[in-house]
Amino acid sequence: MITLSKLKKEAEERKGKNSHTDGLVSGRRVSVRDRLLVKEIQDMEFTMPSTCKVIFENPNELHKFDLSVIPEEGYWQDGKFHFVVDIPEDYNMVPPKVKCLTRLWHPNISEGGEICLSLLRQNSIDGMGWAPTRTLNDVIWGLNSLFTDLLNFEDPLNNDAAEHYQKDKDGFKLKVKEYIQQHAKR
């Protein structure tokens, strides 16, 4: 687990060895994005929903991580859904790029992994899009909420799933469960 104290200790050790490179890592400047990520990741550890888990495949790359969402209620209960979050260099002026790696039947997530979530859009017509004041914690809570209260059948990305729900709620529920059994079993 990456902690702020561990990162600070490593930075102090580097600073002690290379005092002329204050603010530099391996001879290069630490980006604004990377400075923000250290703080946001520390905050995430304490405020993330209990249904979510973040995994850093490479602890030296804080700008890319995997997120698992395991809903405790609703249609997708009993499933485990994997997302990859990639934070661009110009973060926090632009939103992270997020893709769902688990195939699922959902009105706001396509079978190809694209996600319809306002806060992941640079420009959003509902006024809820990305802003520099948003954080990774907002993104994680938003993705988690797609399985509960942010579920939107009125403005779908996957029209087939939304229409299926409108026409046959029981059939929709069965198809969701089939997808979980095939693609998202815990």
N, C-alpha and C. Protein backbone atom coordinates (compact mmCIF):
# COMPACT_ATOMS: atom_id res chain seq x y z
N MET A 1 0.86 -1.18 0.00
CA MET A 1 0.00 0.00 0.00
C MET A 1 0.90 1.23 0.00
N ILE A 2 0.59 2.18 -0.83
CA ILE A 2 1.34 3.42 -0.92
C ILE A 2 0.76 4.38 0.11
N THR A 3 1.62 4.92 0.94
CA THR A 3 1.17 5.91 1.91
C THR A 3 1.95 7.19 1.71
N LEU A 4 1.35 8.27 2.15
CA LEU A 4 2.02 9.56 2.03
C LEU A 4 3.31 9.56 2.83
N SER A 5 3.30 8.97 4.01
CA SER A 5 4.52 8.97 4.83
C SER A 5 5.65 8.23 4.13
N LYS A 6 5.32 7.12 3.45
CA LYS A 6 6.34 6.38 2.71
C LYS A 6 6.90 7.23 1.57
N LEU A 7 6.00 7.88 0.83
CA LEU A 7 6.45 8.73 -0.28
C LEU A 7 7.27 9.92 0.21
N LYS A 8 6.84 10.52 1.34
CA LYS A 8 7.59 11.64 1.91
C LYS A 8 8.98 11.20 2.35
N LYS A 9 9.05 10.02 2.99
CA LYS A 9 10.34 9.50 3.44
C LYS A 9 11.28 9.29 2.26
N GLU A 10 10.76 8.69 1.19
CA GLU A 10 11.58 8.48 -0.01
C GLU A 10 12.03 9.81 -0.60
N ALA A 11 11.14 10.78 -0.61
CA ALA A 11 11.50 12.10 -1.15
C ALA A 11 12.57 12.77 -0.29
N GLU A 12 12.44 12.63 1.02
CA GLU A 12 13.44 13.22 1.92
C GLU A 12 14.79 12.55 1.74
N GLU A 13 14.78 11.22 1.56
CA GLU A 13 16.03 10.50 1.32
C GLU A 13 16.69 10.99 0.04
N ARG A 14 15.88 11.16 -1.00
CA ARG A 14 16.43 11.67 -2.27
C ARG A 14 16.93 13.10 -2.10
N LYS A 15 16.17 13.89 -1.35
CA LYS A 15 16.55 15.29 -1.13
C LYS A 15 17.86 15.37 -0.37
N GLY A 16 18.02 14.51 0.62
CA GLY A 16 19.25 14.49 1.39
C GLY A 16 20.45 14.13 0.54
N LYS A 17 20.26 13.21 -0.39
CA LYS A 17 21.35 12.79 -1.27
C LYS A 17 21.61 13.81 -2.37
N ASN A 18 20.56 14.48 -2.82
CA ASN A 18 20.67 15.41 -3.94
C ASN A 18 19.98 16.72 -3.59
N SER A 19 20.50 17.46 -2.64
CA SER A 19 19.82 18.68 -2.20
C SER A 19 19.68 19.71 -3.32
N HIS A 20 20.51 19.64 -4.34
CA HIS A 20 20.40 20.57 -5.46
C HIS A 20 19.25 20.22 -6.40
N THR A 21 18.62 19.09 -6.19
CA THR A 21 17.51 18.70 -7.07
C THR A 21 16.18 18.77 -6.33
N ASP A 22 16.01 19.75 -5.46
CA ASP A 22 14.75 19.92 -4.74
C ASP A 22 13.58 19.97 -5.72
N GLY A 23 12.58 19.13 -5.51
CA GLY A 23 11.42 19.10 -6.41
C GLY A 23 11.67 18.25 -7.65
N LEU A 24 12.81 17.59 -7.70
CA LEU A 24 13.10 16.75 -8.86
C LEU A 24 13.13 15.29 -8.45
N VAL A 25 12.75 14.44 -9.32
CA VAL A 25 12.85 13.00 -9.10
C VAL A 25 13.63 12.45 -10.29
N SER A 26 14.71 11.75 -9.99
CA SER A 26 15.55 11.18 -11.05
C SER A 26 15.93 12.23 -12.07
N GLY A 27 16.24 13.43 -11.61
CA GLY A 27 16.69 14.48 -12.51
C GLY A 27 15.58 15.18 -13.27
N ARG A 28 14.31 14.91 -12.95
CA ARG A 28 13.23 15.61 -13.64
C ARG A 28 12.26 16.16 -12.62
N ARG A 29 11.56 17.19 -12.99
CA ARG A 29 10.57 17.82 -12.11
C ARG A 29 9.38 16.91 -11.87
N VAL A 30 8.88 16.94 -10.66
CA VAL A 30 7.66 16.21 -10.34
C VAL A 30 6.50 17.02 -10.89
N SER A 31 5.65 16.39 -11.67
CA SER A 31 4.55 17.10 -12.30
C SER A 31 3.48 17.49 -11.29
N VAL A 32 2.67 18.45 -11.66
CA VAL A 32 1.53 18.86 -10.84
C VAL A 32 0.62 17.66 -10.62
N ARG A 33 0.40 16.91 -11.69
CA ARG A 33 -0.44 15.71 -11.59
C ARG A 33 0.08 14.78 -10.51
N ASP A 34 1.37 14.48 -10.52
CA ASP A 34 1.92 13.53 -9.56
C ASP A 34 1.85 14.06 -8.13
N ARG A 35 2.02 15.35 -7.96
CA ARG A 35 1.89 15.94 -6.62
C ARG A 35 0.45 15.82 -6.12
N LEU A 36 -0.51 16.08 -7.01
CA LEU A 36 -1.92 15.95 -6.64
C LEU A 36 -2.25 14.50 -6.30
N LEU A 37 -1.72 13.58 -7.09
CA LEU A 37 -2.04 12.17 -6.90
C LEU A 37 -1.58 11.65 -5.54
N VAL A 38 -0.42 12.08 -5.09
CA VAL A 38 0.05 11.64 -3.77
C VAL A 38 -0.97 12.00 -2.70
N LYS A 39 -1.45 13.22 -2.73
CA LYS A 39 -2.43 13.67 -1.74
C LYS A 39 -3.77 12.96 -1.92
N GLU A 40 -4.25 12.89 -3.16
CA GLU A 40 -5.56 12.29 -3.41
C GLU A 40 -5.58 10.80 -3.09
N ILE A 41 -4.51 10.10 -3.35
CA ILE A 41 -4.46 8.67 -3.06
C ILE A 41 -4.48 8.43 -1.56
N GLN A 42 -3.79 9.28 -0.83
CA GLN A 42 -3.84 9.16 0.63
C GLN A 42 -5.27 9.38 1.12
N ASP A 43 -5.96 10.39 0.61
CA ASP A 43 -7.34 10.66 1.00
C ASP A 43 -8.28 9.52 0.60
N MET A 44 -8.04 8.93 -0.56
CA MET A 44 -8.86 7.84 -1.06
C MET A 44 -8.90 6.67 -0.10
N GLU A 45 -7.76 6.38 0.51
CA GLU A 45 -7.66 5.23 1.39
C GLU A 45 -8.67 5.30 2.53
N PHE A 46 -9.02 6.51 2.97
CA PHE A 46 -9.89 6.67 4.12
C PHE A 46 -11.34 6.98 3.76
N THR A 47 -11.60 7.35 2.51
CA THR A 47 -12.95 7.80 2.15
C THR A 47 -13.59 7.00 1.03
N MET A 48 -12.93 5.96 0.58
CA MET A 48 -13.44 5.15 -0.51
C MET A 48 -14.61 4.29 -0.01
N PRO A 49 -15.61 4.07 -0.88
CA PRO A 49 -16.71 3.18 -0.48
C PRO A 49 -16.19 1.78 -0.13
N SER A 50 -16.85 1.13 0.79
CA SER A 50 -16.42 -0.22 1.21
C SER A 50 -16.58 -1.23 0.08
N THR A 51 -17.34 -0.90 -0.93
CA THR A 51 -17.57 -1.80 -2.07
C THR A 51 -16.50 -1.67 -3.15
N CYS A 52 -15.51 -0.83 -2.91
CA CYS A 52 -14.46 -0.57 -3.91
C CYS A 52 -13.08 -0.92 -3.38
N LYS A 53 -12.23 -1.32 -4.31
CA LYS A 53 -10.84 -1.62 -3.98
C LYS A 53 -9.96 -1.12 -5.11
N VAL A 54 -8.89 -0.42 -4.75
CA VAL A 54 -7.94 0.11 -5.72
C VAL A 54 -6.67 -0.72 -5.66
N ILE A 55 -6.13 -1.05 -6.84
CA ILE A 55 -4.90 -1.83 -6.94
C ILE A 55 -3.95 -1.11 -7.88
N PHE A 56 -2.75 -0.87 -7.39
CA PHE A 56 -1.69 -0.28 -8.22
C PHE A 56 -0.79 -1.41 -8.69
N GLU A 57 -0.86 -1.72 -9.97
CA GLU A 57 0.00 -2.77 -10.53
C GLU A 57 1.46 -2.39 -10.40
N ASN A 58 1.76 -1.11 -10.62
CA ASN A 58 3.11 -0.59 -10.50
C ASN A 58 3.07 0.57 -9.52
N PRO A 59 3.59 0.41 -8.30
CA PRO A 59 3.52 1.47 -7.30
C PRO A 59 4.27 2.75 -7.69
N ASN A 60 5.09 2.67 -8.72
CA ASN A 60 5.80 3.86 -9.21
C ASN A 60 4.97 4.64 -10.23
N GLU A 61 3.83 4.10 -10.61
CA GLU A 61 2.94 4.77 -11.56
C GLU A 61 1.60 5.03 -10.88
N LEU A 62 1.55 6.12 -10.14
CA LEU A 62 0.32 6.48 -9.43
C LEU A 62 -0.78 6.92 -10.39
N HIS A 63 -0.41 7.22 -11.62
CA HIS A 63 -1.39 7.73 -12.59
C HIS A 63 -2.18 6.62 -13.29
N LYS A 64 -1.92 5.36 -12.94
CA LYS A 64 -2.66 4.27 -13.55
C LYS A 64 -2.95 3.22 -12.47
N PHE A 65 -4.23 2.91 -12.32
CA PHE A 65 -4.58 1.89 -11.34
C PHE A 65 -5.85 1.16 -11.76
N ASP A 66 -6.06 0.03 -11.12
CA ASP A 66 -7.25 -0.77 -11.35
C ASP A 66 -8.21 -0.55 -10.19
N LEU A 67 -9.48 -0.56 -10.50
CA LEU A 67 -10.52 -0.39 -9.50
C LEU A 67 -11.49 -1.54 -9.62
N SER A 68 -11.81 -2.17 -8.50
CA SER A 68 -12.85 -3.20 -8.47
C SER A 68 -14.03 -2.65 -7.70
N VAL A 69 -15.22 -2.86 -8.25
CA VAL A 69 -16.46 -2.48 -7.59
C VAL A 69 -17.27 -3.76 -7.39
N ILE A 70 -17.66 -3.99 -6.14
CA ILE A 70 -18.44 -5.17 -5.79
C ILE A 70 -19.73 -4.70 -5.12
N PRO A 71 -20.79 -4.46 -5.91
CA PRO A 71 -22.03 -3.93 -5.36
C PRO A 71 -22.64 -4.85 -4.29
N GLU A 72 -23.14 -4.24 -3.23
CA GLU A 72 -23.76 -5.00 -2.14
C GLU A 72 -25.28 -5.08 -2.29
N GLU A 73 -25.81 -4.34 -3.26
CA GLU A 73 -27.25 -4.33 -3.46
C GLU A 73 -27.55 -4.05 -4.93
N GLY A 74 -28.80 -4.20 -5.30
CA GLY A 74 -29.23 -3.88 -6.66
C GLY A 74 -29.05 -5.02 -7.64
N TYR A 75 -29.27 -4.70 -8.91
CA TYR A 75 -29.21 -5.70 -9.97
C TYR A 75 -27.86 -6.38 -10.08
N TRP A 76 -26.78 -5.67 -9.82
CA TRP A 76 -25.44 -6.19 -10.05
C TRP A 76 -24.81 -6.78 -8.78
N GLN A 77 -25.61 -6.94 -7.74
CA GLN A 77 -25.13 -7.57 -6.52
C GLN A 77 -24.57 -8.94 -6.87
N ASP A 78 -23.53 -9.34 -6.21
CA ASP A 78 -22.84 -10.62 -6.42
C ASP A 78 -21.87 -10.58 -7.58
N GLY A 79 -21.72 -9.45 -8.25
CA GLY A 79 -20.75 -9.33 -9.33
C GLY A 79 -19.52 -8.56 -8.87
N LYS A 80 -18.45 -8.73 -9.60
CA LYS A 80 -17.21 -7.99 -9.36
C LYS A 80 -16.82 -7.35 -10.70
N PHE A 81 -16.75 -6.03 -10.70
CA PHE A 81 -16.55 -5.29 -11.94
C PHE A 81 -15.22 -4.54 -11.89
N HIS A 82 -14.43 -4.73 -12.92
CA HIS A 82 -13.08 -4.16 -12.97
C HIS A 82 -13.03 -2.97 -13.92
N PHE A 83 -12.37 -1.92 -13.46
CA PHE A 83 -12.16 -0.71 -14.24
C PHE A 83 -10.67 -0.39 -14.24
N VAL A 84 -10.21 0.22 -15.32
CA VAL A 84 -8.85 0.74 -15.35
C VAL A 84 -8.98 2.26 -15.41
N VAL A 85 -8.22 2.92 -14.55
CA VAL A 85 -8.24 4.38 -14.47
C VAL A 85 -6.86 4.88 -14.88
N ASP A 86 -6.84 5.75 -15.88
CA ASP A 86 -5.59 6.31 -16.40
C ASP A 86 -5.70 7.83 -16.30
N ILE A 87 -4.78 8.43 -15.56
CA ILE A 87 -4.84 9.86 -15.30
C ILE A 87 -3.85 10.57 -16.22
N PRO A 88 -4.35 11.41 -17.13
CA PRO A 88 -3.46 12.09 -18.09
C PRO A 88 -2.56 13.11 -17.41
N GLU A 89 -1.50 13.47 -18.11
CA GLU A 89 -0.51 14.41 -17.57
C GLU A 89 -1.14 15.76 -17.19
N ASP A 90 -2.17 16.20 -17.92
CA ASP A 90 -2.77 17.50 -17.63
C ASP A 90 -3.93 17.42 -16.63
N TYR A 91 -3.97 16.33 -15.86
CA TYR A 91 -4.90 16.21 -14.74
C TYR A 91 -4.55 17.32 -13.76
N ASN A 92 -5.32 17.98 -13.22
CA ASN A 92 -6.71 18.00 -12.88
C ASN A 92 -7.53 18.95 -13.75
N MET A 93 -6.92 19.41 -14.82
CA MET A 93 -7.66 20.24 -15.77
C MET A 93 -8.52 19.38 -16.69
N VAL A 94 -8.17 18.12 -16.84
CA VAL A 94 -8.97 17.18 -17.63
C VAL A 94 -9.26 15.97 -16.77
N PRO A 95 -10.36 15.28 -17.05
CA PRO A 95 -10.74 14.13 -16.22
C PRO A 95 -9.88 12.90 -16.52
N PRO A 96 -9.85 11.97 -15.58
CA PRO A 96 -9.19 10.69 -15.85
C PRO A 96 -9.93 9.94 -16.95
N LYS A 97 -9.22 9.05 -17.61
CA LYS A 97 -9.83 8.17 -18.60
C LYS A 97 -10.13 6.85 -17.87
N VAL A 98 -11.38 6.40 -18.00
CA VAL A 98 -11.80 5.20 -17.29
C VAL A 98 -12.47 4.25 -18.28
N LYS A 99 -12.13 2.98 -18.15
CA LYS A 99 -12.74 1.95 -19.00
C LYS A 99 -13.12 0.78 -18.12
N CYS A 100 -14.29 0.21 -18.39
CA CYS A 100 -14.73 -0.98 -17.69
C CYS A 100 -14.19 -2.20 -18.43
N LEU A 101 -13.47 -3.05 -17.72
CA LEU A 101 -12.87 -4.23 -18.32
C LEU A 101 -13.78 -5.46 -18.24
N THR A 102 -14.84 -5.36 -17.45
CA THR A 102 -15.77 -6.47 -17.27
C THR A 102 -16.97 -6.28 -18.18
N ARG A 103 -17.29 -7.28 -18.93
CA ARG A 103 -18.47 -7.20 -19.79
C ARG A 103 -19.71 -7.31 -18.91
N LEU A 104 -20.64 -6.38 -19.09
CA LEU A 104 -21.86 -6.40 -18.30
C LEU A 104 -23.03 -5.81 -19.07
N TRP A 105 -24.22 -6.09 -18.60
CA TRP A 105 -25.47 -5.60 -19.19
C TRP A 105 -25.91 -4.44 -18.33
N HIS A 106 -25.71 -3.21 -18.83
CA HIS A 106 -25.92 -2.01 -18.03
C HIS A 106 -26.29 -0.86 -18.97
N PRO A 107 -27.25 -0.03 -18.60
CA PRO A 107 -27.64 1.05 -19.50
C PRO A 107 -26.59 2.16 -19.64
N ASN A 108 -25.70 2.30 -18.66
CA ASN A 108 -24.73 3.39 -18.67
C ASN A 108 -23.30 2.95 -18.91
N ILE A 109 -23.11 1.64 -19.19
CA ILE A 109 -21.80 1.10 -19.51
C ILE A 109 -21.99 0.19 -20.73
N SER A 110 -21.27 0.49 -21.79
CA SER A 110 -21.41 -0.33 -23.00
C SER A 110 -20.73 -1.68 -22.80
N GLU A 111 -21.09 -2.62 -23.64
CA GLU A 111 -20.45 -3.93 -23.56
C GLU A 111 -18.97 -3.85 -23.91
N GLY A 112 -18.57 -2.78 -24.59
CA GLY A 112 -17.17 -2.56 -24.92
C GLY A 112 -16.39 -1.84 -23.84
N GLY A 113 -17.06 -1.41 -22.77
CA GLY A 113 -16.37 -0.80 -21.64
C GLY A 113 -16.44 0.72 -21.55
N GLU A 114 -17.08 1.38 -22.53
CA GLU A 114 -17.23 2.83 -22.43
C GLU A 114 -18.23 3.14 -21.31
N ILE A 115 -18.03 4.30 -20.67
CA ILE A 115 -18.83 4.65 -19.50
C ILE A 115 -19.52 5.99 -19.72
N CYS A 116 -20.80 6.04 -19.39
CA CYS A 116 -21.56 7.29 -19.44
C CYS A 116 -21.72 7.79 -18.01
N LEU A 117 -20.85 8.71 -17.64
CA LEU A 117 -20.87 9.32 -16.32
C LEU A 117 -20.45 10.77 -16.50
N SER A 118 -21.33 11.69 -16.16
CA SER A 118 -21.10 13.12 -16.43
C SER A 118 -19.75 13.60 -15.95
N LEU A 119 -19.35 13.21 -14.75
CA LEU A 119 -18.11 13.78 -14.21
C LEU A 119 -16.86 13.31 -14.94
N LEU A 120 -16.99 12.33 -15.84
CA LEU A 120 -15.86 11.90 -16.65
C LEU A 120 -15.79 12.66 -17.98
N ARG A 121 -16.71 13.59 -18.18
CA ARG A 121 -16.73 14.37 -19.42
C ARG A 121 -16.13 15.75 -19.17
N GLN A 122 -15.30 16.17 -20.10
CA GLN A 122 -14.72 17.51 -20.01
C GLN A 122 -15.82 18.57 -20.06
N ASN A 123 -16.73 18.39 -20.99
CA ASN A 123 -17.86 19.32 -21.14
C ASN A 123 -19.14 18.51 -21.03
N SER A 124 -19.97 18.86 -20.07
CA SER A 124 -21.20 18.11 -19.85
C SER A 124 -22.38 19.07 -19.90
N ILE A 125 -23.42 18.70 -20.61
CA ILE A 125 -24.58 19.58 -20.75
C ILE A 125 -25.37 19.72 -19.46
N ASP A 126 -25.21 18.77 -18.52
CA ASP A 126 -25.97 18.86 -17.28
C ASP A 126 -25.25 19.68 -16.20
N GLY A 127 -24.08 20.22 -16.51
CA GLY A 127 -23.35 21.03 -15.54
C GLY A 127 -22.64 20.21 -14.47
N MET A 128 -22.69 18.89 -14.60
CA MET A 128 -22.07 18.03 -13.60
C MET A 128 -20.76 17.42 -14.10
N GLY A 129 -20.23 17.97 -15.18
CA GLY A 129 -19.01 17.42 -15.78
C GLY A 129 -17.78 17.69 -14.96
N TRP A 130 -16.65 17.36 -15.54
CA TRP A 130 -15.37 17.50 -14.85
C TRP A 130 -15.07 18.95 -14.57
N ALA A 131 -14.49 19.19 -13.41
CA ALA A 131 -14.00 20.51 -13.02
C ALA A 131 -12.71 20.29 -12.24
N PRO A 132 -11.79 21.24 -12.24
CA PRO A 132 -10.53 21.06 -11.51
C PRO A 132 -10.71 20.82 -10.01
N THR A 133 -11.88 21.11 -9.49
CA THR A 133 -12.14 20.87 -8.06
C THR A 133 -12.51 19.41 -7.78
N ARG A 134 -12.75 18.64 -8.81
CA ARG A 134 -13.09 17.23 -8.62
C ARG A 134 -11.82 16.43 -8.31
N THR A 135 -12.02 15.27 -7.71
CA THR A 135 -10.89 14.42 -7.32
C THR A 135 -11.12 12.98 -7.76
N LEU A 136 -10.11 12.17 -7.57
CA LEU A 136 -10.24 10.74 -7.86
C LEU A 136 -11.30 10.11 -6.97
N ASN A 137 -11.44 10.62 -5.78
CA ASN A 137 -12.47 10.11 -4.88
C ASN A 137 -13.86 10.31 -5.49
N ASP A 138 -14.08 11.46 -6.13
CA ASP A 138 -15.35 11.70 -6.82
C ASP A 138 -15.57 10.68 -7.93
N VAL A 139 -14.51 10.36 -8.66
CA VAL A 139 -14.60 9.39 -9.75
C VAL A 139 -14.97 8.02 -9.20
N ILE A 140 -14.30 7.59 -8.15
CA ILE A 140 -14.58 6.28 -7.56
C ILE A 140 -16.00 6.20 -7.03
N TRP A 141 -16.45 7.24 -6.32
CA TRP A 141 -17.82 7.25 -5.82
C TRP A 141 -18.82 7.26 -6.97
N GLY A 142 -18.50 7.98 -8.04
CA GLY A 142 -19.38 8.02 -9.22
C GLY A 142 -19.50 6.67 -9.88
N LEU A 143 -18.37 5.98 -10.06
CA LEU A 143 -18.41 4.64 -10.67
C LEU A 143 -19.18 3.68 -9.78
N ASN A 144 -18.96 3.75 -8.49
CA ASN A 144 -19.69 2.90 -7.54
C ASN A 144 -21.19 3.18 -7.63
N SER A 145 -21.55 4.44 -7.76
CA SER A 145 -22.96 4.83 -7.79
C SER A 145 -23.67 4.42 -9.08
N LEU A 146 -22.92 4.10 -10.13
CA LEU A 146 -23.55 3.61 -11.36
C LEU A 146 -24.28 2.29 -11.12
N PHE A 147 -23.96 1.64 -10.04
CA PHE A 147 -24.62 0.37 -9.71
C PHE A 147 -25.77 0.55 -8.73
N THR A 148 -25.99 1.81 -8.31
CA THR A 148 -27.10 2.07 -7.36
C THR A 148 -27.86 3.33 -7.77
N ASP A 149 -27.58 4.44 -7.12
CA ASP A 149 -28.40 5.65 -7.29
C ASP A 149 -28.12 6.49 -8.53
N LEU A 150 -27.00 6.32 -9.22
CA LEU A 150 -26.75 7.06 -10.46
C LEU A 150 -27.16 6.27 -11.71
N LEU A 151 -27.71 5.12 -11.49
CA LEU A 151 -28.20 4.29 -12.59
C LEU A 151 -29.25 5.10 -13.36
N ASN A 152 -29.05 5.24 -14.68
CA ASN A 152 -29.92 6.11 -15.46
C ASN A 152 -30.42 5.39 -16.70
N PHE A 153 -31.71 5.06 -16.69
CA PHE A 153 -32.33 4.39 -17.84
C PHE A 153 -32.87 5.41 -18.84
N GLU A 154 -32.94 6.70 -18.45
CA GLU A 154 -33.52 7.73 -19.30
C GLU A 154 -32.52 8.30 -20.31
N ASP A 155 -31.24 8.28 -19.99
CA ASP A 155 -30.19 8.81 -20.88
C ASP A 155 -29.10 7.74 -20.99
N PRO A 156 -29.39 6.63 -21.69
CA PRO A 156 -28.47 5.49 -21.69
C PRO A 156 -27.34 5.61 -22.71
N LEU A 157 -26.29 4.91 -22.44
CA LEU A 157 -25.22 4.69 -23.41
C LEU A 157 -25.52 3.39 -24.16
N ASN A 158 -26.00 2.39 -23.43
CA ASN A 158 -26.40 1.12 -24.01
C ASN A 158 -27.92 1.13 -24.16
N ASN A 159 -28.39 1.58 -25.32
CA ASN A 159 -29.83 1.70 -25.56
C ASN A 159 -30.56 0.36 -25.46
N ASP A 160 -29.90 -0.71 -25.90
CA ASP A 160 -30.53 -2.02 -25.84
C ASP A 160 -30.83 -2.42 -24.40
N ALA A 161 -29.89 -2.18 -23.50
CA ALA A 161 -30.10 -2.52 -22.09
C ALA A 161 -31.23 -1.68 -21.49
N ALA A 162 -31.25 -0.39 -21.82
CA ALA A 162 -32.29 0.50 -21.28
C ALA A 162 -33.67 0.10 -21.80
N GLU A 163 -33.76 -0.19 -23.10
CA GLU A 163 -35.04 -0.62 -23.68
C GLU A 163 -35.49 -1.96 -23.09
N HIS A 164 -34.54 -2.86 -22.88
CA HIS A 164 -34.85 -4.15 -22.29
C HIS A 164 -35.47 -3.94 -20.89
N TYR A 165 -34.88 -3.05 -20.12
CA TYR A 165 -35.41 -2.75 -18.78
C TYR A 165 -36.83 -2.18 -18.87
N GLN A 166 -37.03 -1.23 -19.80
CA GLN A 166 -38.34 -0.60 -19.94
C GLN A 166 -39.43 -1.60 -20.34
N LYS A 167 -39.08 -2.56 -21.18
CA LYS A 167 -40.06 -3.52 -21.70
C LYS A 167 -40.26 -4.73 -20.80
N ASP A 168 -39.19 -5.17 -20.12
CA ASP A 168 -39.26 -6.43 -19.37
C ASP A 168 -38.26 -6.40 -18.21
N LYS A 169 -38.68 -5.84 -17.09
CA LYS A 169 -37.79 -5.70 -15.94
C LYS A 169 -37.28 -7.05 -15.43
N ASP A 170 -38.14 -8.05 -15.41
CA ASP A 170 -37.72 -9.38 -14.97
C ASP A 170 -36.70 -9.99 -15.93
N GLY A 171 -36.95 -9.83 -17.22
CA GLY A 171 -36.00 -10.32 -18.23
C GLY A 171 -34.67 -9.59 -18.14
N PHE A 172 -34.72 -8.29 -17.88
CA PHE A 172 -33.51 -7.49 -17.70
C PHE A 172 -32.70 -8.04 -16.53
N LYS A 173 -33.38 -8.27 -15.43
CA LYS A 173 -32.71 -8.78 -14.22
C LYS A 173 -32.05 -10.13 -14.51
N LEU A 174 -32.75 -11.01 -15.23
CA LEU A 174 -32.18 -12.31 -15.58
C LEU A 174 -30.93 -12.18 -16.47
N LYS A 175 -30.99 -11.25 -17.42
CA LYS A 175 -29.84 -11.06 -18.31
C LYS A 175 -28.64 -10.51 -17.55
N VAL A 176 -28.91 -9.58 -16.61
CA VAL A 176 -27.82 -9.05 -15.77
C VAL A 176 -27.17 -10.20 -15.01
N LYS A 177 -27.97 -11.07 -14.43
CA LYS A 177 -27.44 -12.22 -13.66
C LYS A 177 -26.65 -13.17 -14.55
N GLU A 178 -27.13 -13.38 -15.79
CA GLU A 178 -26.39 -14.23 -16.73
C GLU A 178 -25.01 -13.64 -17.02
N TYR A 179 -24.95 -12.32 -17.23
CA TYR A 179 -23.67 -11.65 -17.50
C TYR A 179 -22.75 -11.78 -16.29
N ILE A 180 -23.31 -11.64 -15.10
CA ILE A 180 -22.48 -11.77 -13.89
C ILE A 180 -21.90 -13.18 -13.82
N GLN A 181 -22.72 -14.19 -14.06
CA GLN A 181 -22.25 -15.57 -14.02
C GLN A 181 -21.15 -15.83 -15.06
N GLN A 182 -21.29 -15.23 -16.24
CA GLN A 182 -20.33 -15.46 -17.31
C GLN A 182 -19.09 -14.60 -17.22
N HIS A 183 -19.22 -13.34 -16.73
CA HIS A 183 -18.12 -12.38 -16.86
C HIS A 183 -17.68 -11.72 -15.55
N ALA A 184 -18.50 -11.76 -14.52
CA ALA A 184 -18.19 -10.94 -13.33
C ALA A 184 -18.32 -11.70 -12.03
N LYS A 185 -18.19 -13.00 -12.10
CA LYS A 185 -18.33 -13.81 -10.89
C LYS A 185 -17.18 -13.51 -9.93
N ARG A 186 -17.51 -13.41 -8.66
CA ARG A 186 -16.47 -13.11 -7.65
C ARG A 186 -15.57 -14.29 -7.43
